[in-house]
Amino acid sequence: MMDWIPVVFVTFKLLVLGTGMFFAVKWHYDQGKKGKENERRAVLRAGGKVAAVFVLSLLGLVVVTFALARILGLDLSLP
């Protein structure tokens, strides 16, 4: 009798955890399908903002670099 207790408990545990994981994945999948269009717009808007900030930061870095080079008297003219 004692030999079967771990087998029964492990089988029950795997059955319960497997069922719980199935429903958790199904719920998350269903939640992901709900607001897909709004989510896509939000991601595109956020990506555009990040790209704009990156370009503006790069432009500011170029301006600061050339201003510092001019102050230091470096020649950055093209040949």
PDB file of N, CA and C in Angstrom:
ATOM      1  N   MET A   1       0.824  -1.201   0.000  1.00  0.00           N
ATOM      2  CA  MET A   1       0.000   0.000   0.000  1.00  0.00           C
ATOM      3  C   MET A   1       0.862   1.256   0.000  1.00  0.00           C
ATOM      4  N   MET A   2       1.943   1.279   0.766  1.00  0.00           N
ATOM      5  CA  MET A   2       2.809   2.457   0.865  1.00  0.00           C
ATOM      6  C   MET A   2       3.553   2.720  -0.435  1.00  0.00           C
ATOM      7  N   ASP A   3       3.737   1.693  -1.233  1.00  0.00           N
ATOM      8  CA  ASP A   3       4.458   1.870  -2.489  1.00  0.00           C
ATOM      9  C   ASP A   3       3.636   2.649  -3.512  1.00  0.00           C
ATOM     10  N   TRP A   4       2.331   2.638  -3.420  1.00  0.00           N
ATOM     11  CA  TRP A   4       1.464   3.287  -4.404  1.00  0.00           C
ATOM     12  C   TRP A   4       1.172   4.742  -4.077  1.00  0.00           C
ATOM     13  N   ILE A   5       1.399   5.154  -2.847  1.00  0.00           N
ATOM     14  CA  ILE A   5       1.070   6.531  -2.450  1.00  0.00           C
ATOM     15  C   ILE A   5       1.866   7.554  -3.254  1.00  0.00           C
ATOM     16  N   PRO A   6       3.192   7.424  -3.416  1.00  0.00           N
ATOM     17  CA  PRO A   6       3.903   8.408  -4.241  1.00  0.00           C
ATOM     18  C   PRO A   6       3.431   8.405  -5.699  1.00  0.00           C
ATOM     19  N   VAL A   7       3.129   7.252  -6.232  1.00  0.00           N
ATOM     20  CA  VAL A   7       2.660   7.162  -7.618  1.00  0.00           C
ATOM     21  C   VAL A   7       1.335   7.893  -7.772  1.00  0.00           C
ATOM     22  N   VAL A   8       0.422   7.698  -6.856  1.00  0.00           N
ATOM     23  CA  VAL A   8      -0.889   8.354  -6.919  1.00  0.00           C
ATOM     24  C   VAL A   8      -0.737   9.855  -6.724  1.00  0.00           C
ATOM     25  N   PHE A   9       0.066  10.272  -5.747  1.00  0.00           N
ATOM     26  CA  PHE A   9       0.235  11.697  -5.486  1.00  0.00           C
ATOM     27  C   PHE A   9       0.942  12.405  -6.634  1.00  0.00           C
ATOM     28  N   VAL A  10       1.971  11.804  -7.196  1.00  0.00           N
ATOM     29  CA  VAL A  10       2.686  12.423  -8.315  1.00  0.00           C
ATOM     30  C   VAL A  10       1.782  12.500  -9.533  1.00  0.00           C
ATOM     31  N   THR A  11       1.017  11.450  -9.799  1.00  0.00           N
ATOM     32  CA  THR A  11       0.076  11.465 -10.927  1.00  0.00           C
ATOM     33  C   THR A  11      -0.973  12.560 -10.731  1.00  0.00           C
ATOM     34  N   PHE A  12      -1.521  12.661  -9.525  1.00  0.00           N
ATOM     35  CA  PHE A  12      -2.511  13.701  -9.239  1.00  0.00           C
ATOM     36  C   PHE A  12      -1.900  15.095  -9.385  1.00  0.00           C
ATOM     37  N   LYS A  13      -0.678  15.266  -8.887  1.00  0.00           N
ATOM     38  CA  LYS A  13      -0.005  16.561  -8.976  1.00  0.00           C
ATOM     39  C   LYS A  13       0.230  16.944 -10.433  1.00  0.00           C
ATOM     40  N   LEU A  14       0.706  16.027 -11.260  1.00  0.00           N
ATOM     41  CA  LEU A  14       0.933  16.311 -12.671  1.00  0.00           C
ATOM     42  C   LEU A  14      -0.372  16.636 -13.393  1.00  0.00           C
ATOM     43  N   LEU A  15      -1.440  15.930 -13.049  1.00  0.00           N
ATOM     44  CA  LEU A  15      -2.738  16.192 -13.662  1.00  0.00           C
ATOM     45  C   LEU A  15      -3.249  17.588 -13.299  1.00  0.00           C
ATOM     46  N   VAL A  16      -3.153  17.951 -12.033  1.00  0.00           N
ATOM     47  CA  VAL A  16      -3.613  19.271 -11.590  1.00  0.00           C
ATOM     48  C   VAL A  16      -2.751  20.380 -12.184  1.00  0.00           C
ATOM     49  N   LEU A  17      -1.428  20.249 -12.138  1.00  0.00           N
ATOM     50  CA  LEU A  17      -0.544  21.275 -12.697  1.00  0.00           C
ATOM     51  C   LEU A  17      -0.693  21.380 -14.212  1.00  0.00           C
ATOM     52  N   GLY A  18      -0.831  20.263 -14.896  1.00  0.00           N
ATOM     53  CA  GLY A  18      -1.027  20.284 -16.346  1.00  0.00           C
ATOM     54  C   GLY A  18      -2.309  20.988 -16.726  1.00  0.00           C
ATOM     55  N   THR A  19      -3.397  20.707 -16.000  1.00  0.00           N
ATOM     56  CA  THR A  19      -4.669  21.373 -16.266  1.00  0.00           C
ATOM     57  C   THR A  19      -4.558  22.869 -15.987  1.00  0.00           C
ATOM     58  N   GLY A  20      -3.914  23.222 -14.882  1.00  0.00           N
ATOM     59  CA  GLY A  20      -3.751  24.634 -14.553  1.00  0.00           C
ATOM     60  C   GLY A  20      -2.915  25.366 -15.591  1.00  0.00           C
ATOM     61  N   MET A  21      -1.842  24.746 -16.066  1.00  0.00           N
ATOM     62  CA  MET A  21      -1.008  25.384 -17.092  1.00  0.00           C
ATOM     63  C   MET A  21      -1.771  25.546 -18.401  1.00  0.00           C
ATOM     64  N   PHE A  22      -2.574  24.540 -18.762  1.00  0.00           N
ATOM     65  CA  PHE A  22      -3.358  24.642 -19.987  1.00  0.00           C
ATOM     66  C   PHE A  22      -4.294  25.836 -19.930  1.00  0.00           C
ATOM     67  N   PHE A  23      -5.029  25.974 -18.827  1.00  0.00           N
ATOM     68  CA  PHE A  23      -5.986  27.080 -18.726  1.00  0.00           C
ATOM     69  C   PHE A  23      -5.279  28.430 -18.589  1.00  0.00           C
ATOM     70  N   ALA A  24      -4.096  28.466 -17.974  1.00  0.00           N
ATOM     71  CA  ALA A  24      -3.344  29.717 -17.874  1.00  0.00           C
ATOM     72  C   ALA A  24      -2.876  30.171 -19.250  1.00  0.00           C
ATOM     73  N   VAL A  25      -2.357  29.258 -20.049  1.00  0.00           N
ATOM     74  CA  VAL A  25      -1.913  29.600 -21.400  1.00  0.00           C
ATOM     75  C   VAL A  25      -3.101  30.010 -22.251  1.00  0.00           C
ATOM     76  N   LYS A  26      -4.215  29.290 -22.133  1.00  0.00           N
ATOM     77  CA  LYS A  26      -5.418  29.617 -22.908  1.00  0.00           C
ATOM     78  C   LYS A  26      -5.937  31.003 -22.526  1.00  0.00           C
ATOM     79  N   TRP A  27      -5.942  31.326 -21.251  1.00  0.00           N
ATOM     80  CA  TRP A  27      -6.432  32.630 -20.814  1.00  0.00           C
ATOM     81  C   TRP A  27      -5.546  33.746 -21.351  1.00  0.00           C
ATOM     82  N   HIS A  28      -4.217  33.572 -21.255  1.00  0.00           N
ATOM     83  CA  HIS A  28      -3.311  34.602 -21.755  1.00  0.00           C
ATOM     84  C   HIS A  28      -3.434  34.756 -23.270  1.00  0.00           C
ATOM     85  N   TYR A  29      -3.616  33.660 -23.970  1.00  0.00           N
ATOM     86  CA  TYR A  29      -3.787  33.720 -25.428  1.00  0.00           C
ATOM     87  C   TYR A  29      -5.070  34.474 -25.778  1.00  0.00           C
ATOM     88  N   ASP A  30      -6.138  34.183 -25.063  1.00  0.00           N
ATOM     89  CA  ASP A  30      -7.413  34.883 -25.316  1.00  0.00           C
ATOM     90  C   ASP A  30      -7.310  36.360 -24.974  1.00  0.00           C
ATOM     91  N   GLN A  31      -6.585  36.699 -23.913  1.00  0.00           N
ATOM     92  CA  GLN A  31      -6.407  38.103 -23.549  1.00  0.00           C
ATOM     93  C   GLN A  31      -5.595  38.843 -24.609  1.00  0.00           C
ATOM     94  N   GLY A  32      -4.626  38.154 -25.196  1.00  0.00           N
ATOM     95  CA  GLY A  32      -3.792  38.768 -26.222  1.00  0.00           C
ATOM     96  C   GLY A  32      -4.554  39.045 -27.498  1.00  0.00           C
ATOM     97  N   LYS A  33      -5.577  38.261 -27.790  1.00  0.00           N
ATOM     98  CA  LYS A  33      -6.354  38.464 -29.010  1.00  0.00           C
ATOM     99  C   LYS A  33      -7.350  39.607 -28.877  1.00  0.00           C
ATOM    100  N   LYS A  34      -7.692  39.998 -27.644  1.00  0.00           N
ATOM    101  CA  LYS A  34      -8.730  41.016 -27.433  1.00  0.00           C
ATOM    102  C   LYS A  34      -8.363  42.369 -28.026  1.00  0.00           C
ATOM    103  N   GLY A  35      -7.293  42.987 -27.555  1.00  0.00           N
ATOM    104  CA  GLY A  35      -6.981  44.356 -27.940  1.00  0.00           C
ATOM    105  C   GLY A  35      -5.798  44.443 -28.880  1.00  0.00           C
ATOM    106  N   LYS A  36      -5.782  43.596 -29.895  1.00  0.00           N
ATOM    107  CA  LYS A  36      -4.612  43.545 -30.757  1.00  0.00           C
ATOM    108  C   LYS A  36      -4.448  44.819 -31.585  1.00  0.00           C
ATOM    109  N   GLU A  37      -5.533  45.391 -32.084  1.00  0.00           N
ATOM    110  CA  GLU A  37      -5.435  46.597 -32.920  1.00  0.00           C
ATOM    111  C   GLU A  37      -4.972  47.797 -32.104  1.00  0.00           C
ATOM    112  N   ASN A  38      -5.539  47.977 -30.925  1.00  0.00           N
ATOM    113  CA  ASN A  38      -5.114  49.078 -30.059  1.00  0.00           C
ATOM    114  C   ASN A  38      -3.674  48.899 -29.610  1.00  0.00           C
ATOM    115  N   GLU A  39      -3.301  47.657 -29.358  1.00  0.00           N
ATOM    116  CA  GLU A  39      -1.925  47.383 -28.924  1.00  0.00           C
ATOM    117  C   GLU A  39      -0.950  47.689 -30.054  1.00  0.00           C
ATOM    118  N   ARG A  40      -1.318  47.349 -31.281  1.00  0.00           N
ATOM    119  CA  ARG A  40      -0.443  47.616 -32.426  1.00  0.00           C
ATOM    120  C   ARG A  40      -0.237  49.117 -32.596  1.00  0.00           C
ATOM    121  N   ARG A  41      -1.307  49.888 -32.460  1.00  0.00           N
ATOM    122  CA  ARG A  41      -1.187  51.347 -32.557  1.00  0.00           C
ATOM    123  C   ARG A  41      -0.287  51.896 -31.462  1.00  0.00           C
ATOM    124  N   ALA A  42      -0.459  51.391 -30.262  1.00  0.00           N
ATOM    125  CA  ALA A  42       0.353  51.873 -29.139  1.00  0.00           C
ATOM    126  C   ALA A  42       1.824  51.537 -29.357  1.00  0.00           C
ATOM    127  N   VAL A  43       2.106  50.354 -29.871  1.00  0.00           N
ATOM    128  CA  VAL A  43       3.500  49.964 -30.108  1.00  0.00           C
ATOM    129  C   VAL A  43       4.101  50.820 -31.213  1.00  0.00           C
ATOM    130  N   LEU A  44       3.350  51.068 -32.281  1.00  0.00           N
ATOM    131  CA  LEU A  44       3.857  51.908 -33.365  1.00  0.00           C
ATOM    132  C   LEU A  44       4.093  53.341 -32.889  1.00  0.00           C
ATOM    133  N   ARG A  45       3.165  53.858 -32.090  1.00  0.00           N
ATOM    134  CA  ARG A  45       3.328  55.212 -31.564  1.00  0.00           C
ATOM    135  C   ARG A  45       4.561  55.303 -30.663  1.00  0.00           C
ATOM    136  N   ALA A  46       4.739  54.319 -29.795  1.00  0.00           N
ATOM    137  CA  ALA A  46       5.900  54.316 -28.905  1.00  0.00           C
ATOM    138  C   ALA A  46       7.194  54.167 -29.704  1.00  0.00           C
ATOM    139  N   GLY A  47       7.179  53.325 -30.721  1.00  0.00           N
ATOM    140  CA  GLY A  47       8.361  53.165 -31.565  1.00  0.00           C
ATOM    141  C   GLY A  47       8.710  54.441 -32.302  1.00  0.00           C
ATOM    142  N   GLY A  48       7.691  55.156 -32.780  1.00  0.00           N
ATOM    143  CA  GLY A  48       7.927  56.439 -33.444  1.00  0.00           C
ATOM    144  C   GLY A  48       8.522  57.464 -32.499  1.00  0.00           C
ATOM    145  N   LYS A  49       8.031  57.483 -31.270  1.00  0.00           N
ATOM    146  CA  LYS A  49       8.574  58.419 -30.281  1.00  0.00           C
ATOM    147  C   LYS A  49      10.032  58.104 -29.976  1.00  0.00           C
ATOM    148  N   VAL A  50      10.339  56.824 -29.827  1.00  0.00           N
ATOM    149  CA  VAL A  50      11.721  56.428 -29.536  1.00  0.00           C
ATOM    150  C   VAL A  50      12.629  56.800 -30.701  1.00  0.00           C
ATOM    151  N   ALA A  51      12.166  56.563 -31.934  1.00  0.00           N
ATOM    152  CA  ALA A  51      12.970  56.912 -33.106  1.00  0.00           C
ATOM    153  C   ALA A  51      13.193  58.421 -33.192  1.00  0.00           C
ATOM    154  N   ALA A  52      12.146  59.213 -32.906  1.00  0.00           N
ATOM    155  CA  ALA A  52      12.274  60.673 -32.952  1.00  0.00           C
ATOM    156  C   ALA A  52      13.257  61.168 -31.887  1.00  0.00           C
ATOM    157  N   VAL A  53      13.170  60.627 -30.696  1.00  0.00           N
ATOM    158  CA  VAL A  53      14.092  61.022 -29.626  1.00  0.00           C
ATOM    159  C   VAL A  53      15.520  60.645 -30.002  1.00  0.00           C
ATOM    160  N   PHE A  54      15.694  59.468 -30.617  1.00  0.00           N
ATOM    161  CA  PHE A  54      17.034  59.038 -31.032  1.00  0.00           C
ATOM    162  C   PHE A  54      17.607  59.977 -32.086  1.00  0.00           C
ATOM    163  N   VAL A  55      16.801  60.326 -33.091  1.00  0.00           N
ATOM    164  CA  VAL A  55      17.285  61.212 -34.154  1.00  0.00           C
ATOM    165  C   VAL A  55      17.613  62.593 -33.595  1.00  0.00           C
ATOM    166  N   LEU A  56      16.759  63.126 -32.727  1.00  0.00           N
ATOM    167  CA  LEU A  56      17.024  64.433 -32.133  1.00  0.00           C
ATOM    168  C   LEU A  56      18.275  64.396 -31.244  1.00  0.00           C
ATOM    169  N   SER A  57      18.461  63.319 -30.513  1.00  0.00           N
ATOM    170  CA  SER A  57      19.666  63.183 -29.684  1.00  0.00           C
ATOM    171  C   SER A  57      20.913  63.108 -30.555  1.00  0.00           C
ATOM    172  N   LEU A  58      20.823  62.379 -31.645  1.00  0.00           N
ATOM    173  CA  LEU A  58      21.961  62.277 -32.562  1.00  0.00           C
ATOM    174  C   LEU A  58      22.287  63.623 -33.189  1.00  0.00           C
ATOM    175  N   LEU A  59      21.259  64.359 -33.582  1.00  0.00           N
ATOM    176  CA  LEU A  59      21.465  65.692 -34.147  1.00  0.00           C
ATOM    177  C   LEU A  59      22.093  66.624 -33.105  1.00  0.00           C
ATOM    178  N   GLY A  60      21.608  66.583 -31.878  1.00  0.00           N
ATOM    179  CA  GLY A  60      22.184  67.393 -30.806  1.00  0.00           C
ATOM    180  C   GLY A  60      23.637  67.036 -30.544  1.00  0.00           C
ATOM    181  N   LEU A  61      23.969  65.744 -30.590  1.00  0.00           N
ATOM    182  CA  LEU A  61      25.346  65.316 -30.386  1.00  0.00           C
ATOM    183  C   LEU A  61      26.255  65.841 -31.497  1.00  0.00           C
ATOM    184  N   VAL A  62      25.773  65.824 -32.735  1.00  0.00           N
ATOM    185  CA  VAL A  62      26.570  66.344 -33.857  1.00  0.00           C
ATOM    186  C   VAL A  62      26.807  67.839 -33.685  1.00  0.00           C
ATOM    187  N   VAL A  63      25.766  68.582 -33.312  1.00  0.00           N
ATOM    188  CA  VAL A  63      25.907  70.022 -33.128  1.00  0.00           C
ATOM    189  C   VAL A  63      26.890  70.326 -32.002  1.00  0.00           C
ATOM    190  N   VAL A  64      26.775  69.626 -30.884  1.00  0.00           N
ATOM    191  CA  VAL A  64      27.683  69.842 -29.758  1.00  0.00           C
ATOM    192  C   VAL A  64      29.111  69.471 -30.142  1.00  0.00           C
ATOM    193  N   THR A  65      29.276  68.406 -30.908  1.00  0.00           N
ATOM    194  CA  THR A  65      30.614  67.991 -31.340  1.00  0.00           C
ATOM    195  C   THR A  65      31.266  69.055 -32.214  1.00  0.00           C
ATOM    196  N   PHE A  66      30.523  69.565 -33.206  1.00  0.00           N
ATOM    197  CA  PHE A  66      31.083  70.591 -34.070  1.00  0.00           C
ATOM    198  C   PHE A  66      31.338  71.901 -33.318  1.00  0.00           C
ATOM    199  N   ALA A  67      30.462  72.248 -32.369  1.00  0.00           N
ATOM    200  CA  ALA A  67      30.679  73.459 -31.579  1.00  0.00           C
ATOM    201  C   ALA A  67      31.930  73.311 -30.719  1.00  0.00           C
ATOM    202  N   LEU A  68      32.108  72.165 -30.094  1.00  0.00           N
ATOM    203  CA  LEU A  68      33.296  71.933 -29.273  1.00  0.00           C
ATOM    204  C   LEU A  68      34.558  71.916 -30.133  1.00  0.00           C
ATOM    205  N   ALA A  69      34.467  71.336 -31.327  1.00  0.00           N
ATOM    206  CA  ALA A  69      35.624  71.311 -32.227  1.00  0.00           C
ATOM    207  C   ALA A  69      35.999  72.726 -32.655  1.00  0.00           C
ATOM    208  N   ARG A  70      35.001  73.569 -32.902  1.00  0.00           N
ATOM    209  CA  ARG A  70      35.278  74.954 -33.288  1.00  0.00           C
ATOM    210  C   ARG A  70      35.924  75.719 -32.129  1.00  0.00           C
ATOM    211  N   ILE A  71      35.426  75.485 -30.897  1.00  0.00           N
ATOM    212  CA  ILE A  71      35.991  76.167 -29.726  1.00  0.00           C
ATOM    213  C   ILE A  71      37.442  75.744 -29.511  1.00  0.00           C
ATOM    214  N   LEU A  72      37.745  74.492 -29.744  1.00  0.00           N
ATOM    215  CA  LEU A  72      39.093  73.971 -29.549  1.00  0.00           C
ATOM    216  C   LEU A  72      40.015  74.283 -30.736  1.00  0.00           C
ATOM    217  N   GLY A  73      39.441  74.813 -31.806  1.00  0.00           N
ATOM    218  CA  GLY A  73      40.247  75.196 -32.954  1.00  0.00           C
ATOM    219  C   GLY A  73      40.598  74.047 -33.890  1.00  0.00           C
ATOM    220  N   LEU A  74      39.807  72.986 -33.875  1.00  0.00           N
ATOM    221  CA  LEU A  74      40.068  71.848 -34.757  1.00  0.00           C
ATOM    222  C   LEU A  74      39.524  72.141 -36.152  1.00  0.00           C
ATOM    223  N   ASP A  75      40.186  71.625 -37.161  1.00  0.00           N
ATOM    224  CA  ASP A  75      39.750  71.829 -38.540  1.00  0.00           C
ATOM    225  C   ASP A  75      38.953  70.602 -38.975  1.00  0.00           C
ATOM    226  N   LEU A  76      37.638  70.752 -39.103  1.00  0.00           N
ATOM    227  CA  LEU A  76      36.775  69.642 -39.502  1.00  0.00           C
ATOM    228  C   LEU A  76      36.235  69.822 -40.915  1.00  0.00           C
ATOM    229  N   SER A  77      36.890  70.642 -41.716  1.00  0.00           N
ATOM    230  CA  SER A  77      36.405  70.860 -43.086  1.00  0.00           C
ATOM    231  C   SER A  77      36.732  69.645 -43.938  1.00  0.00           C
ATOM    232  N   LEU A  78      35.877  69.412 -44.928  1.00  0.00           N
ATOM    233  CA  LEU A  78      36.088  68.286 -45.824  1.00  0.00           C
ATOM    234  C   LEU A  78      37.209  68.610 -46.815  1.00  0.00           C
ATOM    235  N   PRO A  79      38.008  67.619 -47.214  1.00  0.00           N
ATOM    236  CA  PRO A  79      39.138  67.879 -48.132  1.00  0.00           C
ATOM    237  C   PRO A  79      38.685  68.257 -49.535  1.00  0.00           C
TER     238      PRO A  79
END
